[in-house]
Amino acid sequence: MYAVIETGGKQYRVAKDDVIEVEKLPGEKGGQIAFDQVLMTGAGDAVIVGRPHVPGAKVTAEIVDQTKAPKIIVFKKLRRKNHRRKKGHRQNLTVLKIVDIQGAA
């Protein structure tokens, strides 16, 4: 069984025991998070697509770690103007392990 969930403005296709990285969510390591915004569930040929969400569907995940993504360097330059700007950014991430998928499928 799999599901498509929405979190942080992005969509993720998940199945039981998958480990995914999503944008930072509140919670401690070892805690549980439930996602109610399930867009689609499926098991084999039986697929249920929500409008926009599947009623009664729920995905439960365990927080494995709160971490950061690799650093991204942003460099801006205007030629012949002696203008240079260098910035770095590391996005905060939450690593989740999918524990259970409850749905109508």
C-alpha atoms as a PDB file:
ATOM      1  CA  MET A   1       0.000   0.000   0.000  1.00  0.00           C
ATOM      2  CA  TYR A   2       1.230   3.490  -0.790  1.00  0.00           C
ATOM      3  CA  ALA A   3       0.012   7.058  -0.365  1.00  0.00           C
ATOM      4  CA  VAL A   4       0.780  10.531  -1.663  1.00  0.00           C
ATOM      5  CA  ILE A   5       1.008  13.091   1.149  1.00  0.00           C
ATOM      6  CA  GLU A   6       1.449  16.849   1.108  1.00  0.00           C
ATOM      7  CA  THR A   7       3.737  18.672   3.545  1.00  0.00           C
ATOM      8  CA  GLY A   8       5.821  21.808   3.252  1.00  0.00           C
ATOM      9  CA  GLY A   9       4.235  22.689  -0.086  1.00  0.00           C
ATOM     10  CA  LYS A  10       5.570  19.496  -1.678  1.00  0.00           C
ATOM     11  CA  GLN A  11       4.106  16.068  -2.427  1.00  0.00           C
ATOM     12  CA  TYR A  12       5.728  12.766  -1.458  1.00  0.00           C
ATOM     13  CA  ARG A  13       4.852   9.213  -2.498  1.00  0.00           C
ATOM     14  CA  VAL A  14       5.389   7.029   0.551  1.00  0.00           C
ATOM     15  CA  ALA A  15       5.007   3.398   1.518  1.00  0.00           C
ATOM     16  CA  LYS A  16       5.418   1.617   4.848  1.00  0.00           C
ATOM     17  CA  ASP A  17       9.030   1.663   6.187  1.00  0.00           C
ATOM     18  CA  ASP A  18      10.125   4.399   3.730  1.00  0.00           C
ATOM     19  CA  VAL A  19      12.567   7.009   5.053  1.00  0.00           C
ATOM     20  CA  ILE A  20      12.054  10.504   3.615  1.00  0.00           C
ATOM     21  CA  GLU A  21      13.448  13.995   4.228  1.00  0.00           C
ATOM     22  CA  VAL A  22      10.904  16.816   4.433  1.00  0.00           C
ATOM     23  CA  GLU A  23      11.067  20.457   5.420  1.00  0.00           C
ATOM     24  CA  LYS A  24      11.401  20.996   9.152  1.00  0.00           C
ATOM     25  CA  LEU A  25       8.435  19.895  11.243  1.00  0.00           C
ATOM     26  CA  PRO A  26       8.000  20.537  14.974  1.00  0.00           C
ATOM     27  CA  GLY A  27       8.775  17.581  17.216  1.00  0.00           C
ATOM     28  CA  GLU A  28      11.494  15.703  19.014  1.00  0.00           C
ATOM     29  CA  LYS A  29      13.532  12.722  17.839  1.00  0.00           C
ATOM     30  CA  GLY A  30      11.500   9.562  18.380  1.00  0.00           C
ATOM     31  CA  GLY A  31       8.160  11.406  18.303  1.00  0.00           C
ATOM     32  CA  GLN A  32       5.179  10.607  16.093  1.00  0.00           C
ATOM     33  CA  ILE A  33       3.589  12.790  13.402  1.00  0.00           C
ATOM     34  CA  ALA A  34       0.280  12.155  11.634  1.00  0.00           C
ATOM     35  CA  PHE A  35      -0.451  13.524   8.153  1.00  0.00           C
ATOM     36  CA  ASP A  36      -4.118  14.153   7.372  1.00  0.00           C
ATOM     37  CA  GLN A  37      -3.503  15.727   3.960  1.00  0.00           C
ATOM     38  CA  VAL A  38      -3.423  12.518   1.952  1.00  0.00           C
ATOM     39  CA  LEU A  39      -3.945  13.222  -1.749  1.00  0.00           C
ATOM     40  CA  MET A  40      -4.059   9.621  -2.990  1.00  0.00           C
ATOM     41  CA  THR A  41      -3.903   6.060  -1.684  1.00  0.00           C
ATOM     42  CA  GLY A  42      -3.355   2.877  -3.567  1.00  0.00           C
ATOM     43  CA  ALA A  43      -2.857  -0.853  -3.196  1.00  0.00           C
ATOM     44  CA  GLY A  44      -2.215  -2.729  -6.421  1.00  0.00           C
ATOM     45  CA  ASP A  45      -4.887  -1.753  -8.952  1.00  0.00           C
ATOM     46  CA  ALA A  46      -7.173  -0.150  -6.334  1.00  0.00           C
ATOM     47  CA  VAL A  47      -6.409   3.571  -6.382  1.00  0.00           C
ATOM     48  CA  ILE A  48      -8.372   6.271  -4.566  1.00  0.00           C
ATOM     49  CA  VAL A  49      -7.755   9.883  -5.597  1.00  0.00           C
ATOM     50  CA  GLY A  50      -8.992  12.627  -3.287  1.00  0.00           C
ATOM     51  CA  ARG A  51     -10.671  15.895  -4.216  1.00  0.00           C
ATOM     52  CA  PRO A  52      -8.350  17.371  -2.955  1.00  0.00           C
ATOM     53  CA  HIS A  53      -7.868  14.983   0.026  1.00  0.00           C
ATOM     54  CA  VAL A  54      -8.950  11.404   0.645  1.00  0.00           C
ATOM     55  CA  PRO A  55     -11.502  11.410   3.502  1.00  0.00           C
ATOM     56  CA  GLY A  56     -10.493   9.220   6.439  1.00  0.00           C
ATOM     57  CA  ALA A  57      -6.973   8.558   5.158  1.00  0.00           C
ATOM     58  CA  LYS A  58      -4.059   9.088   7.519  1.00  0.00           C
ATOM     59  CA  VAL A  59      -0.297   8.482   7.376  1.00  0.00           C
ATOM     60  CA  THR A  60       1.683   8.074  10.604  1.00  0.00           C
ATOM     61  CA  ALA A  61       5.440   8.680  10.698  1.00  0.00           C
ATOM     62  CA  GLU A  62       8.195   8.579  13.312  1.00  0.00           C
ATOM     63  CA  ILE A  63      10.789  11.360  13.542  1.00  0.00           C
ATOM     64  CA  VAL A  64      14.204   9.778  12.993  1.00  0.00           C
ATOM     65  CA  ASP A  65      16.293  12.978  13.103  1.00  0.00           C
ATOM     66  CA  GLN A  66      16.239  16.769  12.845  1.00  0.00           C
ATOM     67  CA  THR A  67      19.080  17.658  10.470  1.00  0.00           C
ATOM     68  CA  LYS A  68      20.273  20.136   7.844  1.00  0.00           C
ATOM     69  CA  ALA A  69      20.695  19.824   4.079  1.00  0.00           C
ATOM     70  CA  PRO A  70      24.092  20.361   2.409  1.00  0.00           C
ATOM     71  CA  LYS A  71      25.182  23.975   2.077  1.00  0.00           C
ATOM     72  CA  ILE A  72      24.147  25.887  -1.034  1.00  0.00           C
ATOM     73  CA  ILE A  73      26.397  28.751  -2.125  1.00  0.00           C
ATOM     74  CA  VAL A  74      24.735  31.835  -3.636  1.00  0.00           C
ATOM     75  CA  PHE A  75      27.196  34.080  -5.497  1.00  0.00           C
ATOM     76  CA  LYS A  76      26.137  37.292  -7.220  1.00  0.00           C
ATOM     77  CA  LYS A  77      28.424  39.421  -9.358  1.00  0.00           C
ATOM     78  CA  LEU A  78      27.998  42.507 -11.504  1.00  0.00           C
ATOM     79  CA  ARG A  79      30.762  42.667 -14.068  1.00  0.00           C
ATOM     80  CA  ARG A  80      32.851  45.824 -14.309  1.00  0.00           C
ATOM     81  CA  LYS A  81      31.209  47.190 -11.134  1.00  0.00           C
ATOM     82  CA  ASN A  82      33.423  45.527  -8.470  1.00  0.00           C
ATOM     83  CA  HIS A  83      30.238  44.161  -6.890  1.00  0.00           C
ATOM     84  CA  ARG A  84      30.343  40.668  -5.395  1.00  0.00           C
ATOM     85  CA  ARG A  85      28.098  39.014  -2.804  1.00  0.00           C
ATOM     86  CA  LYS A  86      28.592  35.506  -1.444  1.00  0.00           C
ATOM     87  CA  LYS A  87      26.012  33.880   0.826  1.00  0.00           C
ATOM     88  CA  GLY A  88      25.450  30.347   2.030  1.00  0.00           C
ATOM     89  CA  HIS A  89      22.284  28.572   3.104  1.00  0.00           C
ATOM     90  CA  ARG A  90      21.480  25.263   4.812  1.00  0.00           C
ATOM     91  CA  GLN A  91      17.841  24.203   4.878  1.00  0.00           C
ATOM     92  CA  ASN A  92      16.506  22.596   8.064  1.00  0.00           C
ATOM     93  CA  LEU A  93      15.119  19.106   7.431  1.00  0.00           C
ATOM     94  CA  THR A  94      13.224  16.432   9.323  1.00  0.00           C
ATOM     95  CA  VAL A  95      13.969  12.785   8.537  1.00  0.00           C
ATOM     96  CA  LEU A  96      10.829  10.642   8.819  1.00  0.00           C
ATOM     97  CA  LYS A  97      10.197   6.902   8.780  1.00  0.00           C
ATOM     98  CA  ILE A  98       6.699   5.927   7.649  1.00  0.00           C
ATOM     99  CA  VAL A  99       5.134   3.674  10.281  1.00  0.00           C
ATOM    100  CA  ASP A 100       1.551   3.166   9.126  1.00  0.00           C
ATOM    101  CA  ILE A 101      -0.815   4.065   6.289  1.00  0.00           C
ATOM    102  CA  GLN A 102      -4.524   4.039   7.030  1.00  0.00           C
ATOM    103  CA  GLY A 103      -6.828   4.671   4.118  1.00  0.00           C
ATOM    104  CA  ALA A 104      -9.932   3.662   2.326  1.00  0.00           C
ATOM    105  CA  ALA A 105      -7.956   1.456  -0.104  1.00  0.00           C
END
